[in-house]
Amino acid sequence: MFPGFEEEEVTPKKVRYFTLEQANETLPFVRRVVSDIVDAYRKWKEKIYRFELVAAESDAAEESEEQATLREEIDGIAQRINRFVAELEPVGCVLKGFDDGLIDFYSKMDGGDVFLCWKLGEDTIEHWHELDVGFAGRQPFVSSAGKEGG
């Protein structure tokens, strides 16, 4: 063990299961936070790109004033994104995509675990997918997905 380092006991997070109705009820709040995340992430990527461009054009061994300013802005935006992500934690949903605002909600379908899948811009949750499949495997509801969760 390193000085000043205390080992933390890692405990698995308790998963919250949603019915389709429960997940849809969270969307007004989730939509606002995810919109903030997507917007801040876009700005963060733009600043990263600008920082890399300035760094590549620089001959100096040390950071320029512009690089230092950009680094501070990048760090500030990253902290904002982290705060937004933290706002989603009590809801129990899972952020899957910073670029497009992809959110999954754990649910039950036919006795097995699935994700109810929502993407920023969609009015309601209308798709689901297996836990290990991801967005590409989204399927529209044709059965009672989410009706067993709770």
C-alpha atoms as a PDB file:
ATOM      1  CA  MET A   1       0.000   0.000   0.000  1.00  0.00           C
ATOM      2  CA  PHE A   2       1.243   3.484  -0.880  1.00  0.00           C
ATOM      3  CA  PRO A   3       1.483   6.242   1.763  1.00  0.00           C
ATOM      4  CA  GLY A   4      -1.725   8.269   1.834  1.00  0.00           C
ATOM      5  CA  PHE A   5      -3.587   5.670  -0.191  1.00  0.00           C
ATOM      6  CA  GLU A   6      -6.380   3.812   1.499  1.00  0.00           C
ATOM      7  CA  GLU A   7      -7.895   0.828  -0.153  1.00  0.00           C
ATOM      8  CA  GLU A   8     -11.626   1.224  -0.701  1.00  0.00           C
ATOM      9  CA  GLU A   9     -13.967  -1.694  -0.583  1.00  0.00           C
ATOM     10  CA  VAL A  10     -15.724  -1.773  -3.918  1.00  0.00           C
ATOM     11  CA  THR A  11     -19.325  -2.817  -3.722  1.00  0.00           C
ATOM     12  CA  PRO A  12     -21.459  -3.377  -6.783  1.00  0.00           C
ATOM     13  CA  LYS A  13     -24.054  -0.694  -7.447  1.00  0.00           C
ATOM     14  CA  LYS A  14     -27.618  -1.730  -6.885  1.00  0.00           C
ATOM     15  CA  VAL A  15     -29.400  -1.708 -10.209  1.00  0.00           C
ATOM     16  CA  ARG A  16     -32.741   0.030 -10.421  1.00  0.00           C
ATOM     17  CA  TYR A  17     -35.249  -1.658 -12.696  1.00  0.00           C
ATOM     18  CA  PHE A  18     -37.854   0.416 -14.507  1.00  0.00           C
ATOM     19  CA  THR A  19     -41.184  -0.316 -16.062  1.00  0.00           C
ATOM     20  CA  LEU A  20     -41.666   1.430 -19.385  1.00  0.00           C
ATOM     21  CA  GLU A  21     -44.037   3.882 -17.674  1.00  0.00           C
ATOM     22  CA  GLN A  22     -41.543   4.638 -14.875  1.00  0.00           C
ATOM     23  CA  ALA A  23     -38.695   5.226 -17.336  1.00  0.00           C
ATOM     24  CA  ASN A  24     -40.840   7.537 -19.477  1.00  0.00           C
ATOM     25  CA  GLU A  25     -41.794   9.528 -16.362  1.00  0.00           C
ATOM     26  CA  THR A  26     -38.111  10.397 -15.816  1.00  0.00           C
ATOM     27  CA  LEU A  27     -37.670  11.787 -19.331  1.00  0.00           C
ATOM     28  CA  PRO A  28     -38.442  15.468 -18.666  1.00  0.00           C
ATOM     29  CA  PHE A  29     -35.565  15.612 -16.158  1.00  0.00           C
ATOM     30  CA  VAL A  30     -33.306  13.206 -18.055  1.00  0.00           C
ATOM     31  CA  ARG A  31     -33.886  15.103 -21.322  1.00  0.00           C
ATOM     32  CA  ARG A  32     -32.767  18.401 -19.753  1.00  0.00           C
ATOM     33  CA  VAL A  33     -29.626  16.926 -18.191  1.00  0.00           C
ATOM     34  CA  VAL A  34     -28.692  14.897 -21.271  1.00  0.00           C
ATOM     35  CA  SER A  35     -29.159  17.958 -23.460  1.00  0.00           C
ATOM     36  CA  ASP A  36     -26.707  19.821 -21.209  1.00  0.00           C
ATOM     37  CA  ILE A  37     -24.254  16.900 -21.417  1.00  0.00           C
ATOM     38  CA  VAL A  38     -24.398  16.695 -25.221  1.00  0.00           C
ATOM     39  CA  ASP A  39     -23.944  20.462 -25.551  1.00  0.00           C
ATOM     40  CA  ALA A  40     -21.030  20.585 -23.096  1.00  0.00           C
ATOM     41  CA  TYR A  41     -19.404  17.520 -24.677  1.00  0.00           C
ATOM     42  CA  ARG A  42     -19.533  19.153 -28.117  1.00  0.00           C
ATOM     43  CA  LYS A  43     -17.828  22.259 -26.689  1.00  0.00           C
ATOM     44  CA  TRP A  44     -15.255  20.085 -24.888  1.00  0.00           C
ATOM     45  CA  LYS A  45     -14.389  18.276 -28.134  1.00  0.00           C
ATOM     46  CA  GLU A  46     -14.024  21.608 -29.969  1.00  0.00           C
ATOM     47  CA  LYS A  47     -11.634  22.881 -27.276  1.00  0.00           C
ATOM     48  CA  ILE A  48      -9.639  19.629 -27.375  1.00  0.00           C
ATOM     49  CA  TYR A  49      -9.338  19.936 -31.151  1.00  0.00           C
ATOM     50  CA  ARG A  50      -8.201  23.567 -30.848  1.00  0.00           C
ATOM     51  CA  PHE A  51      -5.691  22.659 -28.109  1.00  0.00           C
ATOM     52  CA  GLU A  52      -4.207  19.871 -30.232  1.00  0.00           C
ATOM     53  CA  LEU A  53      -3.995  22.182 -33.245  1.00  0.00           C
ATOM     54  CA  VAL A  54      -2.227  24.917 -31.252  1.00  0.00           C
ATOM     55  CA  ALA A  55       0.126  22.368 -29.675  1.00  0.00           C
ATOM     56  CA  ALA A  56       0.991  20.877 -33.080  1.00  0.00           C
ATOM     57  CA  GLU A  57       1.787  24.320 -34.500  1.00  0.00           C
ATOM     58  CA  SER A  58       3.938  25.301 -31.533  1.00  0.00           C
ATOM     59  CA  ASP A  59       7.727  24.974 -31.529  1.00  0.00           C
ATOM     60  CA  ALA A  60       7.986  25.860 -27.841  1.00  0.00           C
ATOM     61  CA  ALA A  61       9.005  23.246 -25.287  1.00  0.00           C
ATOM     62  CA  GLU A  62       6.539  24.713 -22.799  1.00  0.00           C
ATOM     63  CA  GLU A  63       2.835  25.405 -23.042  1.00  0.00           C
ATOM     64  CA  SER A  64       1.905  28.722 -24.601  1.00  0.00           C
ATOM     65  CA  GLU A  65      -0.498  31.131 -22.921  1.00  0.00           C
ATOM     66  CA  GLU A  66      -3.182  30.078 -25.395  1.00  0.00           C
ATOM     67  CA  GLN A  67      -2.594  26.395 -24.581  1.00  0.00           C
ATOM     68  CA  ALA A  68      -2.789  27.111 -20.845  1.00  0.00           C
ATOM     69  CA  THR A  69      -6.048  29.015 -21.342  1.00  0.00           C
ATOM     70  CA  LEU A  70      -7.471  26.213 -23.474  1.00  0.00           C
ATOM     71  CA  ARG A  71      -6.408  23.609 -20.903  1.00  0.00           C
ATOM     72  CA  GLU A  72      -8.266  25.539 -18.170  1.00  0.00           C
ATOM     73  CA  GLU A  73     -11.354  25.782 -20.368  1.00  0.00           C
ATOM     74  CA  ILE A  74     -11.162  22.058 -21.178  1.00  0.00           C
ATOM     75  CA  ASP A  75     -10.875  21.188 -17.491  1.00  0.00           C
ATOM     76  CA  GLY A  76     -13.793  23.472 -16.612  1.00  0.00           C
ATOM     77  CA  ILE A  77     -16.033  21.909 -19.245  1.00  0.00           C
ATOM     78  CA  ALA A  78     -15.034  18.403 -18.119  1.00  0.00           C
ATOM     79  CA  GLN A  79     -16.008  19.296 -14.543  1.00  0.00           C
ATOM     80  CA  ARG A  80     -19.391  20.566 -15.780  1.00  0.00           C
ATOM     81  CA  ILE A  81     -19.945  17.316 -17.700  1.00  0.00           C
ATOM     82  CA  ASN A  82     -19.071  15.311 -14.576  1.00  0.00           C
ATOM     83  CA  ARG A  83     -21.599  17.311 -12.545  1.00  0.00           C
ATOM     84  CA  PHE A  84     -24.289  16.681 -15.160  1.00  0.00           C
ATOM     85  CA  VAL A  85     -23.504  12.947 -15.164  1.00  0.00           C
ATOM     86  CA  ALA A  86     -23.720  12.962 -11.360  1.00  0.00           C
ATOM     87  CA  GLU A  87     -27.224  14.466 -11.642  1.00  0.00           C
ATOM     88  CA  LEU A  88     -28.327  11.352 -13.538  1.00  0.00           C
ATOM     89  CA  GLU A  89     -27.012   8.885 -10.940  1.00  0.00           C
ATOM     90  CA  PRO A  90     -29.966   9.153  -8.512  1.00  0.00           C
ATOM     91  CA  VAL A  91     -32.362   8.486 -11.406  1.00  0.00           C
ATOM     92  CA  GLY A  92     -30.781   5.089 -12.030  1.00  0.00           C
ATOM     93  CA  CYS A  93     -30.429   5.361 -15.803  1.00  0.00           C
ATOM     94  CA  VAL A  94     -27.190   4.604 -17.649  1.00  0.00           C
ATOM     95  CA  LEU A  95     -25.538   7.188 -19.910  1.00  0.00           C
ATOM     96  CA  LYS A  96     -24.241   5.365 -22.978  1.00  0.00           C
ATOM     97  CA  GLY A  97     -23.437   8.154 -25.428  1.00  0.00           C
ATOM     98  CA  PHE A  98     -22.055  11.645 -24.901  1.00  0.00           C
ATOM     99  CA  ASP A  99     -22.243  12.515 -28.614  1.00  0.00           C
ATOM    100  CA  ASP A 100     -25.866  11.654 -29.203  1.00  0.00           C
ATOM    101  CA  GLY A 101     -27.351  11.528 -25.703  1.00  0.00           C
ATOM    102  CA  LEU A 102     -27.995   7.817 -25.514  1.00  0.00           C
ATOM    103  CA  ILE A 103     -29.578   6.553 -22.277  1.00  0.00           C
ATOM    104  CA  ASP A 104     -30.476   3.038 -21.141  1.00  0.00           C
ATOM    105  CA  PHE A 105     -32.801   1.986 -18.328  1.00  0.00           C
ATOM    106  CA  TYR A 106     -32.609  -1.504 -16.825  1.00  0.00           C
ATOM    107  CA  SER A 107     -35.849  -3.411 -17.170  1.00  0.00           C
ATOM    108  CA  LYS A 108     -37.222  -6.956 -17.284  1.00  0.00           C
ATOM    109  CA  MET A 109     -38.652  -8.709 -20.292  1.00  0.00           C
ATOM    110  CA  ASP A 110     -39.839 -12.288 -20.184  1.00  0.00           C
ATOM    111  CA  GLY A 111     -37.961 -12.724 -16.901  1.00  0.00           C
ATOM    112  CA  GLY A 112     -34.606 -11.525 -18.257  1.00  0.00           C
ATOM    113  CA  ASP A 113     -32.709  -8.264 -17.986  1.00  0.00           C
ATOM    114  CA  VAL A 114     -32.899  -5.830 -20.908  1.00  0.00           C
ATOM    115  CA  PHE A 115     -32.319  -2.141 -21.488  1.00  0.00           C
ATOM    116  CA  LEU A 116     -35.086   0.275 -22.369  1.00  0.00           C
ATOM    117  CA  CYS A 117     -33.308   2.527 -24.865  1.00  0.00           C
ATOM    118  CA  TRP A 118     -33.835   6.269 -25.343  1.00  0.00           C
ATOM    119  CA  LYS A 119     -31.933   8.812 -27.410  1.00  0.00           C
ATOM    120  CA  LEU A 120     -32.037  12.601 -27.117  1.00  0.00           C
ATOM    121  CA  GLY A 121     -34.593  13.896 -29.590  1.00  0.00           C
ATOM    122  CA  GLU A 122     -37.012  11.016 -29.105  1.00  0.00           C
ATOM    123  CA  ASP A 123     -40.300  11.904 -27.397  1.00  0.00           C
ATOM    124  CA  THR A 124     -40.683   8.651 -25.485  1.00  0.00           C
ATOM    125  CA  ILE A 125     -38.942   5.322 -25.011  1.00  0.00           C
ATOM    126  CA  GLU A 126     -40.000   3.114 -27.885  1.00  0.00           C
ATOM    127  CA  HIS A 127     -37.090   0.653 -28.138  1.00  0.00           C
ATOM    128  CA  TRP A 128     -35.291  -1.961 -26.082  1.00  0.00           C
ATOM    129  CA  HIS A 129     -32.215  -4.142 -26.513  1.00  0.00           C
ATOM    130  CA  GLU A 130     -30.375  -6.987 -24.828  1.00  0.00           C
ATOM    131  CA  LEU A 131     -27.733  -5.896 -22.296  1.00  0.00           C
ATOM    132  CA  ASP A 132     -24.823  -7.069 -24.438  1.00  0.00           C
ATOM    133  CA  VAL A 133     -26.096  -5.890 -27.832  1.00  0.00           C
ATOM    134  CA  GLY A 134     -26.130  -2.096 -27.660  1.00  0.00           C
ATOM    135  CA  PHE A 135     -27.764   0.593 -29.765  1.00  0.00           C
ATOM    136  CA  ALA A 136     -27.293  -1.264 -33.055  1.00  0.00           C
ATOM    137  CA  GLY A 137     -29.511  -4.045 -31.684  1.00  0.00           C
ATOM    138  CA  ARG A 138     -32.399  -1.763 -30.722  1.00  0.00           C
ATOM    139  CA  GLN A 139     -35.803  -3.264 -31.340  1.00  0.00           C
ATOM    140  CA  PRO A 140     -39.212  -1.599 -31.238  1.00  0.00           C
ATOM    141  CA  PHE A 141     -41.586  -2.851 -28.580  1.00  0.00           C
ATOM    142  CA  VAL A 142     -43.713  -5.758 -29.710  1.00  0.00           C
ATOM    143  CA  SER A 143     -44.230  -7.434 -26.323  1.00  0.00           C
ATOM    144  CA  SER A 144     -44.674  -6.400 -22.712  1.00  0.00           C
ATOM    145  CA  ALA A 145     -41.139  -5.010 -22.177  1.00  0.00           C
ATOM    146  CA  GLY A 146     -40.790  -3.124 -18.957  1.00  0.00           C
ATOM    147  CA  LYS A 147     -44.076  -4.316 -17.527  1.00  0.00           C
ATOM    148  CA  GLU A 148     -42.364  -6.554 -14.947  1.00  0.00           C
ATOM    149  CA  GLY A 149     -39.734  -4.076 -13.687  1.00  0.00           C
ATOM    150  CA  GLY A 150     -40.041  -2.396 -10.352  1.00  0.00           C
END
